[in-house]
C-alpha atoms as a PDB file:
ATOM      1  CA  MET A   1     -35.971 -18.808  -6.971  1.00  0.00           C
ATOM      2  CA  LYS A   2     -33.105 -16.648  -8.098  1.00  0.00           C
ATOM      3  CA  LEU A   3     -30.654 -15.631  -5.422  1.00  0.00           C
ATOM      4  CA  ASN A   4     -32.322 -12.236  -5.070  1.00  0.00           C
ATOM      5  CA  PHE A   5     -35.874 -12.143  -3.712  1.00  0.00           C
ATOM      6  CA  ILE A   6     -38.391 -14.504  -2.159  1.00  0.00           C
ATOM      7  CA  THR A   7     -42.026 -13.946  -1.378  1.00  0.00           C
ATOM      8  CA  LEU A   8     -44.480 -16.226   0.278  1.00  0.00           C
ATOM      9  CA  LEU A   9     -47.272 -16.319  -2.275  1.00  0.00           C
ATOM     10  CA  ALA A  10     -48.772 -19.757  -1.795  1.00  0.00           C
ATOM     11  CA  LEU A  11     -51.689 -21.780  -3.052  1.00  0.00           C
ATOM     12  CA  GLY A  12     -54.758 -21.250  -0.856  1.00  0.00           C
ATOM     13  CA  LEU A  13     -56.719 -23.895   0.967  1.00  0.00           C
ATOM     14  CA  THR A  14     -60.244 -24.879   0.125  1.00  0.00           C
ATOM     15  CA  ALA A  15     -62.996 -25.197   2.694  1.00  0.00           C
ATOM     16  CA  LEU A  16     -63.208 -28.215   4.954  1.00  0.00           C
ATOM     17  CA  ALA A  17     -66.268 -30.420   4.685  1.00  0.00           C
ATOM     18  CA  GLY A  18     -66.643 -32.401   7.930  1.00  0.00           C
ATOM     19  CA  HIS A  19     -63.401 -34.324   8.299  1.00  0.00           C
ATOM     20  CA  THR A  20     -62.692 -34.352   4.553  1.00  0.00           C
ATOM     21  CA  SER A  21     -61.426 -31.618   2.217  1.00  0.00           C
ATOM     22  CA  ALA A  22     -61.435 -31.836  -1.557  1.00  0.00           C
ATOM     23  CA  LEU A  23     -58.943 -29.878  -3.613  1.00  0.00           C
ATOM     24  CA  CYS A  24     -59.807 -29.190  -7.236  1.00  0.00           C
ATOM     25  CA  MET A  25     -56.765 -29.189  -9.506  1.00  0.00           C
ATOM     26  CA  ASP A  26     -57.115 -27.201 -12.718  1.00  0.00           C
ATOM     27  CA  THR A  27     -55.319 -24.991 -15.217  1.00  0.00           C
ATOM     28  CA  LEU A  28     -55.154 -21.290 -14.412  1.00  0.00           C
ATOM     29  CA  PRO A  29     -56.943 -19.023 -13.797  1.00  0.00           C
ATOM     30  CA  GLY A  30     -59.215 -21.238 -11.744  1.00  0.00           C
ATOM     31  CA  CYS A  31     -62.265 -23.430 -11.500  1.00  0.00           C
ATOM     32  CA  ASP A  32     -65.386 -23.548  -9.400  1.00  0.00           C
ATOM     33  CA  VAL A  33     -64.802 -25.908  -6.502  1.00  0.00           C
ATOM     34  CA  THR A  34     -68.521 -26.580  -6.213  1.00  0.00           C
ATOM     35  CA  LYS A  35     -67.632 -29.320  -8.719  1.00  0.00           C
ATOM     36  CA  CYS A  36     -65.445 -30.872  -6.051  1.00  0.00           C
ATOM     37  CA  GLY A  37     -67.471 -32.511  -3.321  1.00  0.00           C
ATOM     38  CA  GLY A  38     -69.997 -29.699  -2.922  1.00  0.00           C
ATOM     39  CA  LEU A  39     -67.472 -27.116  -1.683  1.00  0.00           C
ATOM     40  CA  THR A  40     -68.057 -23.477  -2.519  1.00  0.00           C
ATOM     41  CA  GLY A  41     -65.861 -20.670  -3.724  1.00  0.00           C
ATOM     42  CA  LYS A  42     -62.966 -20.398  -6.175  1.00  0.00           C
ATOM     43  CA  VAL A  43     -59.492 -21.868  -6.010  1.00  0.00           C
ATOM     44  CA  TRP A  44     -56.426 -21.526  -8.237  1.00  0.00           C
ATOM     45  CA  CYS A  45     -55.826 -24.927  -9.759  1.00  0.00           C
ATOM     46  CA  LYS A  46     -53.487 -26.835 -12.033  1.00  0.00           C
ATOM     47  CA  LYS A  47     -54.976 -29.795 -13.870  1.00  0.00           C
ATOM     48  CA  THR A  48     -58.580 -30.307 -15.036  1.00  0.00           C
ATOM     49  CA  CYS A  49     -61.789 -29.096 -13.464  1.00  0.00           C
ATOM     50  CA  GLY A  50     -63.580 -31.901 -11.726  1.00  0.00           C
ATOM     51  CA  THR A  51     -60.359 -33.747 -10.861  1.00  0.00           C
ATOM     52  CA  CYS A  52     -60.360 -33.780  -7.100  1.00  0.00           C
ATOM     53  CA  VAL A  53     -58.032 -35.084  -4.438  1.00  0.00           C
ATOM     54  CA  SER A  54     -59.688 -35.916  -1.129  1.00  0.00           C
ATOM     55  CA  THR A  55     -57.627 -35.926   2.044  1.00  0.00           C
ATOM     56  CA  THR A  56     -59.025 -37.323   5.272  1.00  0.00           C
ATOM     57  CA  GLN A  57     -58.773 -34.940   8.202  1.00  0.00           C
ATOM     58  CA  ALA A  58     -57.980 -36.116  11.698  1.00  0.00           C
ATOM     59  CA  PRO A  59     -60.727 -35.758  14.303  1.00  0.00           C
ATOM     60  CA  THR A  60     -60.584 -32.781  16.626  1.00  0.00           C
ATOM     61  CA  GLY A  61     -59.400 -34.909  19.551  1.00  0.00           C
ATOM     62  CA  PRO A  62     -55.800 -35.255  20.735  1.00  0.00           C
ATOM     63  CA  ALA A  63     -53.268 -35.428  17.917  1.00  0.00           C
ATOM     64  CA  THR A  64     -51.169 -38.552  17.543  1.00  0.00           C
ATOM     65  CA  ASN A  65     -47.530 -37.797  16.848  1.00  0.00           C
ATOM     66  CA  ALA A  66     -45.481 -40.010  14.546  1.00  0.00           C
ATOM     67  CA  PRO A  67     -42.664 -42.094  16.078  1.00  0.00           C
ATOM     68  CA  ASN A  68     -40.093 -40.090  14.088  1.00  0.00           C
ATOM     69  CA  TYR A  69     -41.100 -36.815  15.742  1.00  0.00           C
ATOM     70  CA  LYS A  70     -38.069 -35.699  17.770  1.00  0.00           C
ATOM     71  CA  GLY A  71     -39.303 -32.446  19.263  1.00  0.00           C
ATOM     72  CA  CYS A  72     -39.620 -28.791  18.330  1.00  0.00           C
ATOM     73  CA  GLY A  73     -37.120 -27.165  16.018  1.00  0.00           C
ATOM     74  CA  TYR A  74     -35.692 -30.283  14.399  1.00  0.00           C
ATOM     75  CA  GLN A  75     -35.537 -30.528  10.632  1.00  0.00           C
ATOM     76  CA  GLY A  76     -36.626 -33.794   9.077  1.00  0.00           C
ATOM     77  CA  TYR A  77     -34.115 -33.144   6.300  1.00  0.00           C
ATOM     78  CA  GLN A  78     -30.590 -32.147   7.288  1.00  0.00           C
ATOM     79  CA  SER A  79     -28.587 -29.953   4.950  1.00  0.00           C
ATOM     80  CA  ARG A  80     -25.999 -27.223   4.894  1.00  0.00           C
ATOM     81  CA  VAL A  81     -27.712 -24.289   3.202  1.00  0.00           C
ATOM     82  CA  VAL A  82     -25.393 -21.750   1.613  1.00  0.00           C
ATOM     83  CA  GLY A  83     -27.783 -19.493  -0.293  1.00  0.00           C
ATOM     84  CA  GLY A  84     -31.316 -18.848  -1.445  1.00  0.00           C
ATOM     85  CA  THR A  85     -32.468 -22.092  -3.009  1.00  0.00           C
ATOM     86  CA  LYS A  86     -35.253 -24.643  -3.329  1.00  0.00           C
ATOM     87  CA  SER A  87     -36.120 -26.393  -0.089  1.00  0.00           C
ATOM     88  CA  LYS A  88     -36.375 -30.130   0.527  1.00  0.00           C
ATOM     89  CA  GLN A  89     -39.344 -31.922   2.049  1.00  0.00           C
ATOM     90  CA  SER A  90     -39.379 -31.469   5.846  1.00  0.00           C
ATOM     91  CA  GLN A  91     -36.472 -28.994   5.755  1.00  0.00           C
ATOM     92  CA  TRP A  92     -38.644 -26.248   7.265  1.00  0.00           C
ATOM     93  CA  PRO A  93     -41.428 -28.373   8.804  1.00  0.00           C
ATOM     94  CA  TRP A  94     -42.942 -25.514  10.850  1.00  0.00           C
ATOM     95  CA  GLN A  95     -43.762 -23.532   7.707  1.00  0.00           C
ATOM     96  CA  ALA A  96     -47.474 -22.968   7.099  1.00  0.00           C
ATOM     97  CA  SER A  97     -49.483 -21.100   4.507  1.00  0.00           C
ATOM     98  CA  LEU A  98     -52.363 -18.861   5.576  1.00  0.00           C
ATOM     99  CA  SER A  99     -55.270 -18.444   3.175  1.00  0.00           C
ATOM    100  CA  ILE A 100     -58.383 -16.292   3.222  1.00  0.00           C
ATOM    101  CA  GLY A 101     -61.390 -17.528   1.298  1.00  0.00           C
ATOM    102  CA  GLY A 102     -59.269 -20.091  -0.511  1.00  0.00           C
ATOM    103  CA  LYS A 103     -56.665 -17.554  -1.649  1.00  0.00           C
ATOM    104  CA  PHE A 104     -53.158 -17.456  -0.215  1.00  0.00           C
ATOM    105  CA  SER A 105     -52.492 -14.371   1.865  1.00  0.00           C
ATOM    106  CA  CYS A 106     -49.572 -14.801   4.286  1.00  0.00           C
ATOM    107  CA  GLY A 107     -47.088 -17.150   5.848  1.00  0.00           C
ATOM    108  CA  ALA A 108     -47.375 -18.535   9.369  1.00  0.00           C
ATOM    109  CA  THR A 109     -45.393 -20.689  11.789  1.00  0.00           C
ATOM    110  CA  LEU A 110     -46.568 -23.712  13.755  1.00  0.00           C
ATOM    111  CA  ILE A 111     -45.514 -23.326  17.403  1.00  0.00           C
ATOM    112  CA  ALA A 112     -47.799 -25.810  19.216  1.00  0.00           C
ATOM    113  CA  PRO A 113     -50.264 -28.568  18.257  1.00  0.00           C
ATOM    114  CA  GLN A 114     -53.132 -26.101  17.952  1.00  0.00           C
ATOM    115  CA  TRP A 115     -51.362 -22.746  17.547  1.00  0.00           C
ATOM    116  CA  VAL A 116     -49.692 -20.710  14.817  1.00  0.00           C
ATOM    117  CA  VAL A 117     -48.084 -17.280  14.901  1.00  0.00           C
ATOM    118  CA  THR A 118     -48.271 -14.757  12.065  1.00  0.00           C
ATOM    119  CA  ALA A 119     -48.189 -10.988  11.531  1.00  0.00           C
ATOM    120  CA  GLY A 120     -50.930  -8.763  12.909  1.00  0.00           C
ATOM    121  CA  HIS A 121     -51.601  -7.203   9.527  1.00  0.00           C
ATOM    122  CA  CYS A 122     -52.248 -10.683   8.085  1.00  0.00           C
ATOM    123  CA  ILE A 123     -55.542 -10.961   9.965  1.00  0.00           C
ATOM    124  CA  GLN A 124     -56.853  -7.473   9.220  1.00  0.00           C
ATOM    125  CA  ALA A 125     -59.204  -8.579   6.449  1.00  0.00           C
ATOM    126  CA  TYR A 126     -61.745 -10.606   8.421  1.00  0.00           C
ATOM    127  CA  ARG A 127     -62.803 -10.901  12.036  1.00  0.00           C
ATOM    128  CA  ARG A 128     -64.083 -14.482  11.991  1.00  0.00           C
ATOM    129  CA  ALA A 129     -61.365 -17.013  12.739  1.00  0.00           C
ATOM    130  CA  ASN A 130     -62.858 -19.713  10.509  1.00  0.00           C
ATOM    131  CA  GLN A 131     -62.292 -17.523   7.454  1.00  0.00           C
ATOM    132  CA  TYR A 132     -58.568 -18.256   7.806  1.00  0.00           C
ATOM    133  CA  SER A 133     -57.294 -21.646   6.686  1.00  0.00           C
ATOM    134  CA  PHE A 134     -53.877 -23.277   6.996  1.00  0.00           C
ATOM    135  CA  ARG A 135     -51.846 -25.876   5.169  1.00  0.00           C
ATOM    136  CA  PHE A 136     -48.955 -27.694   6.854  1.00  0.00           C
ATOM    137  CA  GLY A 137     -46.306 -30.094   5.578  1.00  0.00           C
ATOM    138  CA  ASP A 138     -46.354 -28.481   2.154  1.00  0.00           C
ATOM    139  CA  LEU A 139     -43.439 -28.272  -0.272  1.00  0.00           C
ATOM    140  CA  ASP A 140     -44.888 -27.715  -3.748  1.00  0.00           C
ATOM    141  CA  ARG A 141     -47.894 -25.414  -3.559  1.00  0.00           C
ATOM    142  CA  TYR A 142     -49.488 -26.978  -6.653  1.00  0.00           C
ATOM    143  CA  ASP A 143     -48.921 -30.658  -5.944  1.00  0.00           C
ATOM    144  CA  ILE A 144     -50.624 -32.769  -3.299  1.00  0.00           C
ATOM    145  CA  SER A 145     -48.097 -35.215  -1.853  1.00  0.00           C
ATOM    146  CA  GLY A 146     -50.388 -36.692   0.770  1.00  0.00           C
ATOM    147  CA  LYS A 147     -48.178 -35.353   3.576  1.00  0.00           C
ATOM    148  CA  GLU A 148     -50.130 -32.111   3.924  1.00  0.00           C
ATOM    149  CA  TYR A 149     -52.459 -31.357   6.804  1.00  0.00           C
ATOM    150  CA  TYR A 150     -55.268 -28.819   6.804  1.00  0.00           C
ATOM    151  CA  ALA A 151     -56.893 -26.786   9.565  1.00  0.00           C
ATOM    152  CA  ARG A 152     -58.956 -23.653  10.057  1.00  0.00           C
ATOM    153  CA  GLY A 153     -58.782 -20.908  12.623  1.00  0.00           C
ATOM    154  CA  GLU A 154     -60.892 -21.212  15.758  1.00  0.00           C
ATOM    155  CA  LYS A 155     -59.842 -18.052  17.624  1.00  0.00           C
ATOM    156  CA  LEU A 156     -57.886 -14.941  16.593  1.00  0.00           C
ATOM    157  CA  PHE A 157     -55.551 -13.086  18.945  1.00  0.00           C
ATOM    158  CA  LYS A 158     -54.064  -9.948  17.484  1.00  0.00           C
ATOM    159  CA  HIS A 159     -51.602  -8.267  19.843  1.00  0.00           C
ATOM    160  CA  PRO A 160     -53.643  -5.760  21.869  1.00  0.00           C
ATOM    161  CA  SER A 161     -51.199  -2.937  21.111  1.00  0.00           C
ATOM    162  CA  TYR A 162     -51.192  -3.509  17.367  1.00  0.00           C
ATOM    163  CA  ASN A 163     -52.974  -0.661  15.632  1.00  0.00           C
ATOM    164  CA  THR A 164     -52.898  -0.609  11.828  1.00  0.00           C
ATOM    165  CA  PRO A 165     -50.464  -1.652   9.091  1.00  0.00           C
ATOM    166  CA  LEU A 166     -49.347   1.993   8.933  1.00  0.00           C
ATOM    167  CA  ARG A 167     -48.082   1.670  12.506  1.00  0.00           C
ATOM    168  CA  LYS A 168     -45.637  -1.209  12.372  1.00  0.00           C
ATOM    169  CA  ASP A 169     -45.193  -1.797  16.113  1.00  0.00           C
ATOM    170  CA  ASN A 170     -46.487  -5.021  17.687  1.00  0.00           C
ATOM    171  CA  ASP A 171     -47.148  -6.634  14.307  1.00  0.00           C
ATOM    172  CA  ILE A 172     -47.830 -10.113  15.629  1.00  0.00           C
ATOM    173  CA  ALA A 173     -50.856 -12.370  16.047  1.00  0.00           C
ATOM    174  CA  LEU A 174     -51.713 -15.829  17.348  1.00  0.00           C
ATOM    175  CA  ILE A 175     -54.340 -18.098  15.850  1.00  0.00           C
ATOM    176  CA  LYS A 176     -55.779 -21.097  17.644  1.00  0.00           C
ATOM    177  CA  LEU A 177     -56.615 -23.857  15.171  1.00  0.00           C
ATOM    178  CA  ASP A 178     -59.869 -25.800  15.068  1.00  0.00           C
ATOM    179  CA  ARG A 179     -57.978 -29.082  15.497  1.00  0.00           C
ATOM    180  CA  PRO A 180     -54.567 -30.193  16.792  1.00  0.00           C
ATOM    181  CA  VAL A 181     -51.935 -30.842  14.153  1.00  0.00           C
ATOM    182  CA  PRO A 182     -50.189 -34.239  14.409  1.00  0.00           C
ATOM    183  CA  PHE A 183     -46.408 -33.874  14.444  1.00  0.00           C
ATOM    184  CA  SER A 184     -44.037 -35.862  12.254  1.00  0.00           C
ATOM    185  CA  SER A 185     -40.746 -35.306  10.436  1.00  0.00           C
ATOM    186  CA  ASP A 186     -42.750 -33.313   7.854  1.00  0.00           C
ATOM    187  CA  ILE A 187     -44.765 -31.238  10.315  1.00  0.00           C
ATOM    188  CA  THR A 188     -42.872 -30.007  13.375  1.00  0.00           C
ATOM    189  CA  PRO A 189     -43.297 -26.834  15.456  1.00  0.00           C
ATOM    190  CA  ALA A 190     -40.497 -24.311  15.664  1.00  0.00           C
ATOM    191  CA  CYS A 191     -39.031 -23.836  19.128  1.00  0.00           C
ATOM    192  CA  LEU A 192     -39.789 -20.580  20.909  1.00  0.00           C
ATOM    193  CA  PRO A 193     -36.953 -18.465  22.340  1.00  0.00           C
ATOM    194  CA  ARG A 194     -36.528 -17.286  25.904  1.00  0.00           C
ATOM    195  CA  THR A 195     -38.034 -13.961  26.937  1.00  0.00           C
ATOM    196  CA  GLY A 196     -35.606 -11.105  26.295  1.00  0.00           C
ATOM    197  CA  GLU A 197     -33.037 -13.284  24.528  1.00  0.00           C
ATOM    198  CA  GLN A 198     -30.840 -11.226  22.199  1.00  0.00           C
ATOM    199  CA  ILE A 199     -29.648 -12.520  18.834  1.00  0.00           C
ATOM    200  CA  PRO A 200     -26.043 -11.472  18.165  1.00  0.00           C
ATOM    201  CA  VAL A 201     -25.416  -9.098  15.275  1.00  0.00           C
ATOM    202  CA  GLY A 202     -23.947 -10.997  12.345  1.00  0.00           C
ATOM    203  CA  LYS A 203     -25.690 -14.298  13.117  1.00  0.00           C
ATOM    204  CA  LYS A 204     -27.001 -16.037  10.006  1.00  0.00           C
ATOM    205  CA  CYS A 205     -30.639 -17.063  10.149  1.00  0.00           C
ATOM    206  CA  PHE A 206     -33.171 -18.125   7.506  1.00  0.00           C
ATOM    207  CA  VAL A 207     -36.415 -16.915   5.994  1.00  0.00           C
ATOM    208  CA  SER A 208     -38.536 -19.384   4.025  1.00  0.00           C
ATOM    209  CA  GLY A 209     -41.582 -19.413   1.801  1.00  0.00           C
ATOM    210  CA  TRP A 210     -43.100 -19.597  -1.669  1.00  0.00           C
ATOM    211  CA  GLY A 211     -42.970 -16.622  -3.968  1.00  0.00           C
ATOM    212  CA  LYS A 212     -41.821 -14.408  -6.781  1.00  0.00           C
ATOM    213  CA  THR A 213     -38.301 -14.352  -8.134  1.00  0.00           C
ATOM    214  CA  ASP A 214     -38.507 -10.553  -8.130  1.00  0.00           C
ATOM    215  CA  TYR A 215     -40.965  -7.729  -7.477  1.00  0.00           C
ATOM    216  CA  ALA A 216     -42.680  -7.988 -10.874  1.00  0.00           C
ATOM    217  CA  GLY A 217     -42.248 -11.731 -11.383  1.00  0.00           C
ATOM    218  CA  GLN A 218     -44.409 -14.783 -10.935  1.00  0.00           C
ATOM    219  CA  ALA A 219     -44.777 -16.823  -7.772  1.00  0.00           C
ATOM    220  CA  VAL A 220     -42.745 -20.026  -7.756  1.00  0.00           C
ATOM    221  CA  TYR A 221     -44.255 -23.417  -6.995  1.00  0.00           C
ATOM    222  CA  ASP A 222     -41.659 -24.788  -4.590  1.00  0.00           C
ATOM    223  CA  LEU A 223     -40.877 -23.749  -1.043  1.00  0.00           C
ATOM    224  CA  GLN A 224     -37.798 -21.512  -1.015  1.00  0.00           C
ATOM    225  CA  HIS A 225     -35.372 -20.359   1.660  1.00  0.00           C
ATOM    226  CA  ALA A 226     -32.588 -17.811   1.926  1.00  0.00           C
ATOM    227  CA  PRO A 227     -30.010 -16.752   4.537  1.00  0.00           C
ATOM    228  CA  LEU A 228     -30.094 -13.321   6.152  1.00  0.00           C
ATOM    229  CA  GLN A 229     -27.679 -11.897   8.717  1.00  0.00           C
ATOM    230  CA  ILE A 230     -28.792  -9.983  11.787  1.00  0.00           C
ATOM    231  CA  ILE A 231     -27.845  -6.291  11.678  1.00  0.00           C
ATOM    232  CA  SER A 232     -28.093  -3.706  14.451  1.00  0.00           C
ATOM    233  CA  ASN A 233     -31.257  -1.650  14.741  1.00  0.00           C
ATOM    234  CA  LYS A 234     -29.149   1.483  14.312  1.00  0.00           C
ATOM    235  CA  GLN A 235     -27.769   0.227  11.020  1.00  0.00           C
ATOM    236  CA  CYS A 236     -31.265  -0.839  10.010  1.00  0.00           C
ATOM    237  CA  CYS A 237     -32.600   2.650  10.657  1.00  0.00           C
ATOM    238  CA  GLU A 238     -30.043   4.148   8.272  1.00  0.00           C
ATOM    239  CA  THR A 239     -31.872   2.508   5.365  1.00  0.00           C
ATOM    240  CA  ASN A 240     -35.362   1.786   6.676  1.00  0.00           C
ATOM    241  CA  CYS A 241     -36.383   4.763   8.810  1.00  0.00           C
ATOM    242  CA  ASP A 242     -38.636   7.453   7.356  1.00  0.00           C
ATOM    243  CA  ARG A 243     -41.161  10.003   8.591  1.00  0.00           C
ATOM    244  CA  TRP A 244     -43.677   7.251   9.375  1.00  0.00           C
ATOM    245  CA  THR A 245     -41.056   5.044  11.040  1.00  0.00           C
ATOM    246  CA  PRO A 246     -38.557   7.407  12.693  1.00  0.00           C
ATOM    247  CA  ASN A 247     -36.815   4.644  14.629  1.00  0.00           C
ATOM    248  CA  ILE A 248     -36.439   0.865  14.830  1.00  0.00           C
ATOM    249  CA  PRO A 249     -37.449  -0.157  18.374  1.00  0.00           C
ATOM    250  CA  ASN A 250     -36.080  -3.210  20.137  1.00  0.00           C
ATOM    251  CA  LYS A 251     -39.383  -4.981  19.482  1.00  0.00           C
ATOM    252  CA  MET A 252     -38.171  -5.319  15.899  1.00  0.00           C
ATOM    253  CA  VAL A 253     -35.143  -7.168  14.541  1.00  0.00           C
ATOM    254  CA  CYS A 254     -33.558  -6.507  11.142  1.00  0.00           C
ATOM    255  CA  ALA A 255     -31.612  -8.752   8.799  1.00  0.00           C
ATOM    256  CA  LYS A 256     -30.177  -8.669   5.305  1.00  0.00           C
ATOM    257  CA  ASN A 257     -27.816 -10.596   3.076  1.00  0.00           C
ATOM    258  CA  ARG A 258     -24.529  -8.713   2.886  1.00  0.00           C
ATOM    259  CA  GLU A 259     -23.377 -10.596  -0.206  1.00  0.00           C
ATOM    260  CA  GLN A 260     -26.530 -11.120  -2.272  1.00  0.00           C
ATOM    261  CA  ALA A 261     -29.739  -9.202  -2.952  1.00  0.00           C
ATOM    262  CA  THR A 262     -31.855 -11.500  -0.808  1.00  0.00           C
ATOM    263  CA  SER A 263     -34.836 -10.320   1.204  1.00  0.00           C
ATOM    264  CA  ALA A 264     -38.407 -11.014   2.145  1.00  0.00           C
ATOM    265  CA  CYS A 265     -41.019  -9.316  -0.010  1.00  0.00           C
ATOM    266  CA  HIS A 266     -44.766  -8.849  -0.519  1.00  0.00           C
ATOM    267  CA  GLY A 267     -46.606 -11.972   0.588  1.00  0.00           C
ATOM    268  CA  ASP A 268     -43.821 -13.045   2.948  1.00  0.00           C
ATOM    269  CA  SER A 269     -45.680 -11.334   5.767  1.00  0.00           C
ATOM    270  CA  GLY A 270     -46.240 -13.452   8.835  1.00  0.00           C
ATOM    271  CA  GLY A 271     -43.745 -16.108   7.805  1.00  0.00           C
ATOM    272  CA  PRO A 272     -40.907 -17.524   9.913  1.00  0.00           C
ATOM    273  CA  PHE A 273     -37.431 -16.160  10.478  1.00  0.00           C
ATOM    274  CA  VAL A 274     -35.569 -18.917  12.313  1.00  0.00           C
ATOM    275  CA  CYS A 275     -32.112 -19.135  13.868  1.00  0.00           C
ATOM    276  CA  GLN A 276     -30.354 -22.341  14.864  1.00  0.00           C
ATOM    277  CA  GLY A 277     -29.391 -22.754  18.491  1.00  0.00           C
ATOM    278  CA  SER A 278     -26.268 -24.400  19.868  1.00  0.00           C
ATOM    279  CA  ASN A 279     -28.323 -27.562  20.499  1.00  0.00           C
ATOM    280  CA  GLY A 280     -29.091 -27.897  16.789  1.00  0.00           C
ATOM    281  CA  ARG A 281     -32.723 -26.878  17.116  1.00  0.00           C
ATOM    282  CA  TRP A 282     -34.280 -23.990  15.184  1.00  0.00           C
ATOM    283  CA  PHE A 283     -35.926 -21.146  17.096  1.00  0.00           C
ATOM    284  CA  LEU A 284     -38.509 -18.695  15.812  1.00  0.00           C
ATOM    285  CA  GLN A 285     -36.796 -15.348  16.344  1.00  0.00           C
ATOM    286  CA  GLY A 286     -38.789 -13.215  13.935  1.00  0.00           C
ATOM    287  CA  VAL A 287     -42.109 -12.834  12.134  1.00  0.00           C
ATOM    288  CA  VAL A 288     -41.850 -11.182   8.712  1.00  0.00           C
ATOM    289  CA  SER A 289     -43.294  -7.682   9.084  1.00  0.00           C
ATOM    290  CA  TRP A 290     -42.018  -5.130   6.547  1.00  0.00           C
ATOM    291  CA  GLY A 291     -39.155  -3.938   4.357  1.00  0.00           C
ATOM    292  CA  SER A 292     -38.645  -2.351   0.954  1.00  0.00           C
ATOM    293  CA  GLY A 293     -41.885  -1.561  -0.836  1.00  0.00           C
ATOM    294  CA  ARG A 294     -40.329  -2.801  -4.073  1.00  0.00           C
ATOM    295  CA  CYS A 295     -38.444  -5.740  -2.559  1.00  0.00           C
ATOM    296  CA  ASN A 296     -35.130  -3.965  -3.056  1.00  0.00           C
ATOM    297  CA  ALA A 297     -32.750  -5.798  -0.737  1.00  0.00           C
ATOM    298  CA  PHE A 298     -29.951  -3.339  -1.482  1.00  0.00           C
ATOM    299  CA  GLN A 299     -32.244  -0.461  -0.565  1.00  0.00           C
ATOM    300  CA  LYS A 300     -33.660  -1.748   2.718  1.00  0.00           C
ATOM    301  CA  ALA A 301     -33.275  -4.557   5.213  1.00  0.00           C
ATOM    302  CA  THR A 302     -36.087  -6.946   6.056  1.00  0.00           C
ATOM    303  CA  VAL A 303     -37.717  -6.091   9.385  1.00  0.00           C
ATOM    304  CA  PHE A 304     -39.204  -8.770  11.622  1.00  0.00           C
ATOM    305  CA  THR A 305     -41.281  -8.637  14.779  1.00  0.00           C
ATOM    306  CA  ARG A 306     -38.850  -9.767  17.486  1.00  0.00           C
ATOM    307  CA  VAL A 307     -40.485 -12.822  19.047  1.00  0.00           C
ATOM    308  CA  THR A 308     -38.459 -12.699  22.283  1.00  0.00           C
ATOM    309  CA  GLU A 309     -40.206  -9.431  23.186  1.00  0.00           C
ATOM    310  CA  TYR A 310     -43.616 -11.101  23.038  1.00  0.00           C
ATOM    311  CA  MET A 311     -43.027 -14.374  24.832  1.00  0.00           C
ATOM    312  CA  THR A 312     -44.997 -13.351  27.931  1.00  0.00           C
ATOM    313  CA  TRP A 313     -48.002 -12.468  25.776  1.00  0.00           C
ATOM    314  CA  ILE A 314     -47.640 -15.664  23.713  1.00  0.00           C
ATOM    315  CA  ASN A 315     -47.394 -17.919  26.777  1.00  0.00           C
ATOM    316  CA  GLU A 316     -50.305 -16.261  28.586  1.00  0.00           C
ATOM    317  CA  THR A 317     -52.544 -16.325  25.514  1.00  0.00           C
ATOM    318  CA  ILE A 318     -51.951 -20.022  24.909  1.00  0.00           C
ATOM    319  CA  LYS A 319     -52.318 -20.878  28.611  1.00  0.00           C
ATOM    320  CA  ASN A 320     -55.635 -19.037  28.943  1.00  0.00           C
ATOM    321  CA  ASN A 321     -57.203 -20.373  25.757  1.00  0.00           C
END
């Protein structure tokens, strides 16, 4: 990634067959995955058709966490990040890719063994939860390292006050997975903030994902990250408000890079915006929602759904399901 734009455009997941999934690796544009273990549909691939990698899925019972799992919000790889750059394995271990029908669609964040959070507009396409698939522990979207874990949606929970993508309020959704995800240094949930907690203006936080180097470019293979600083909603409105969005409510939080043209862009939707707490853990403070239509970071800030405003809904939804 250049130091300007990132977008979460990731490789999609193929269907699960029992407890085993087979991924067909081929050259672009794609190959029929019916050649890979009887799975159906299309998938973007890298190597040769018929070359499959099978990964055993854990049973749907309780997940077994690895001994090196330290708790939510801890990075498996410690680094001092100073700009938009390629990520290391386990640097953002809560990062997930969301795919529809085997094609990448959005980002998502692991917050509990069987739960992810994403944007409401990311689950507009289909009503059946099992049409959404997830990949965890991923770094290179074209290579299978053996550290990845796969799951499908079991239940969808779009925020009840979310309307359409044209109305940007309440752009948040929860998805219960069909199996618990085992935690390790490579797959770790992000911590959730306290209800009503305010992030100070000027605080540097991070957005992560796979994606284009610019609006018209190609998606990159490796997970990327970039720093963004919190700005006030008033300042955000000066660049982002229009006749469809006349104000930036407190349920949204805005951020931008004051020194570089760094922002989230198309495909980043639903992905994590995390801030580090004083205890060293990383907290999910935002879900990528919207910004410049042409990924122009100088034109507009990136706007996130403010997670602290939805903690009551998140906690109640998980508790009751």
